[in-house]
Protein backbone atom coordinates (compact mmCIF):
# COMPACT_ATOMS: atom_id res chain seq x y z
CA MET A 1 0.00 0.00 0.00
CA LEU A 2 1.32 3.43 -0.93
CA HIS A 3 2.05 5.62 2.05
CA LEU A 4 3.57 9.08 2.15
CA SER A 5 6.14 9.28 4.91
CA THR A 6 9.06 11.52 5.76
CA GLN A 7 11.13 8.31 5.89
CA CYS A 8 10.75 7.74 2.14
CA ARG A 9 12.62 9.57 -0.61
CA TYR A 10 10.61 11.05 -3.47
CA TYR A 11 12.02 11.65 -6.95
CA LEU A 12 10.16 13.63 -9.60
CA TYR A 13 11.01 12.74 -13.19
CA GLU A 14 12.24 15.77 -15.15
CA GLY A 15 10.60 14.92 -18.46
CA TYR A 16 7.01 14.35 -19.44
CA ALA A 17 5.95 10.75 -18.98
CA ASP A 18 3.77 8.83 -21.40
CA MET A 19 0.87 7.73 -19.19
CA ARG A 20 0.44 4.59 -21.32
CA LYS A 21 3.59 3.24 -19.66
CA GLY A 22 3.04 0.60 -17.04
CA PHE A 23 5.33 -0.97 -14.46
CA ASP A 24 8.04 -2.06 -16.91
CA GLY A 25 8.09 1.17 -18.91
CA LEU A 26 8.31 3.35 -15.81
CA CYS A 27 11.02 1.10 -14.32
CA GLY A 28 12.94 1.65 -17.55
CA LEU A 29 12.73 5.43 -17.08
CA VAL A 30 13.97 5.10 -13.50
CA LEU A 31 16.93 2.96 -14.54
CA SER A 32 17.94 4.70 -17.76
CA ALA A 33 16.96 8.37 -17.45
CA MET A 34 16.99 8.86 -13.68
CA ALA A 35 19.92 6.49 -13.02
CA ARG A 36 18.35 5.24 -9.79
CA LYS A 37 17.96 1.77 -8.32
CA ILE A 38 14.30 0.77 -8.44
CA THR A 39 14.22 -1.67 -5.51
CA THR A 40 15.12 0.80 -2.75
CA GLY A 41 11.56 1.62 -1.70
CA ASP A 42 11.89 5.18 -3.02
CA ILE A 43 8.84 6.68 -4.70
CA PHE A 44 9.26 7.82 -8.30
CA ILE A 45 6.83 10.44 -9.61
CA PHE A 46 5.84 10.92 -13.25
CA ILE A 47 3.64 13.68 -14.71
CA ASN A 48 2.37 13.94 -18.29
CA ARG A 49 2.84 16.99 -20.55
CA PRO A 50 -0.50 18.73 -19.82
CA ALA A 51 0.02 17.89 -16.09
CA THR A 52 -3.41 16.30 -15.76
CA HIS A 53 -2.15 12.80 -14.89
CA ILE A 54 0.34 11.63 -12.28
CA LYS A 55 1.81 8.21 -11.52
CA LEU A 56 3.79 7.18 -8.47
CA LEU A 57 5.87 3.99 -8.60
CA GLN A 58 7.27 2.20 -5.54
CA TRP A 59 8.94 -1.13 -4.83
CA GLU A 60 7.28 -2.71 -1.76
CA GLY A 61 9.65 -5.60 -1.11
CA ASP A 62 7.69 -8.24 -3.00
CA GLY A 63 6.56 -6.27 -6.03
CA PHE A 64 5.77 -2.85 -7.44
CA ALA A 65 2.86 -0.62 -6.49
CA LEU A 66 1.54 1.99 -8.89
CA TYR A 67 -0.62 4.95 -7.87
CA TYR A 68 -2.36 6.71 -10.75
CA LYS A 69 -4.44 9.88 -10.54
CA ARG A 70 -6.22 11.66 -13.39
CA LEU A 71 -7.70 15.09 -12.83
CA GLU A 72 -11.07 15.92 -14.34
CA ARG A 73 -10.28 19.65 -14.12
CA GLY A 74 -7.10 21.58 -13.35
CA SER A 75 -3.50 20.44 -13.42
CA PHE A 76 -0.64 19.36 -11.19
CA GLU A 77 2.10 21.87 -10.43
CA ARG A 78 5.73 20.98 -10.97
CA PRO A 79 7.93 22.41 -8.21
CA ALA A 80 10.74 24.76 -9.19
CA GLY A 81 14.21 23.43 -8.55
CA THR A 82 17.20 21.71 -10.03
CA TYR A 83 17.26 18.23 -11.49
CA ASP A 84 20.09 15.74 -11.01
CA ASN A 85 20.14 12.86 -13.54
CA ALA A 86 16.65 13.78 -14.76
CA ALA A 87 15.26 13.60 -11.21
CA MET A 88 14.44 16.16 -8.54
CA LYS A 89 14.25 15.08 -4.93
CA ILE A 90 11.14 16.47 -3.25
CA SER A 91 9.68 16.07 0.24
CA ALA A 92 6.59 14.17 1.32
CA GLN A 93 4.98 17.52 2.15
CA GLN A 94 5.63 18.84 -1.37
CA LEU A 95 4.14 15.70 -2.90
CA THR A 96 1.06 16.01 -0.71
CA LEU A 97 0.60 19.63 -1.81
CA ILE A 98 1.02 18.65 -5.47
CA LEU A 99 -1.61 15.92 -5.13
CA GLU A 100 -4.01 18.26 -3.32
CA GLY A 101 -3.65 21.02 -5.91
CA ILE A 102 -2.09 23.60 -3.61
CA SER A 103 0.27 26.05 -5.30
CA LEU A 104 3.87 25.54 -4.21
CA GLN A 105 4.95 29.02 -5.34
CA HIS A 106 2.84 30.86 -2.77
CA ILE A 107 3.66 28.74 0.27
CA LYS A 108 6.16 30.13 2.72
CA LYS A 109 7.74 27.56 5.02
CA ARG A 110 8.75 28.89 8.41
CA LYS A 111 12.09 28.01 9.94
CA ARG A 112 12.15 24.89 12.12
CA TYR A 113 14.83 23.09 14.07
CA GLN A 114 16.50 20.20 12.25
CA GLN A 115 19.00 17.94 13.88
CA ALA A 116 22.28 17.72 11.99
CA ALA A 117 22.80 14.42 10.16
């Protein structure tokens, strides 16, 4: 079951994904374009060109899970940032805001304590 947790890592694919791709096609994008290992439990996010469809792919230990959402109206917002190997690392909070349709450009995050790693 897909769960959004701060313990997971989330990678947004830089390009526009063909929403006809299934498990194997999306795994191919992760391996070739994003240069990431697909069996880590990370969540890989794909958005189509008009930003009306989104797919999330995750390895769950015994197989892949695929979450697919199609909007009837509106679009998903891509966060601004830099991509490394065709992937941008985003937080669970950013993904939640993207899925809920909340604009990322107008949100101001207040400073919080973070323990050094």
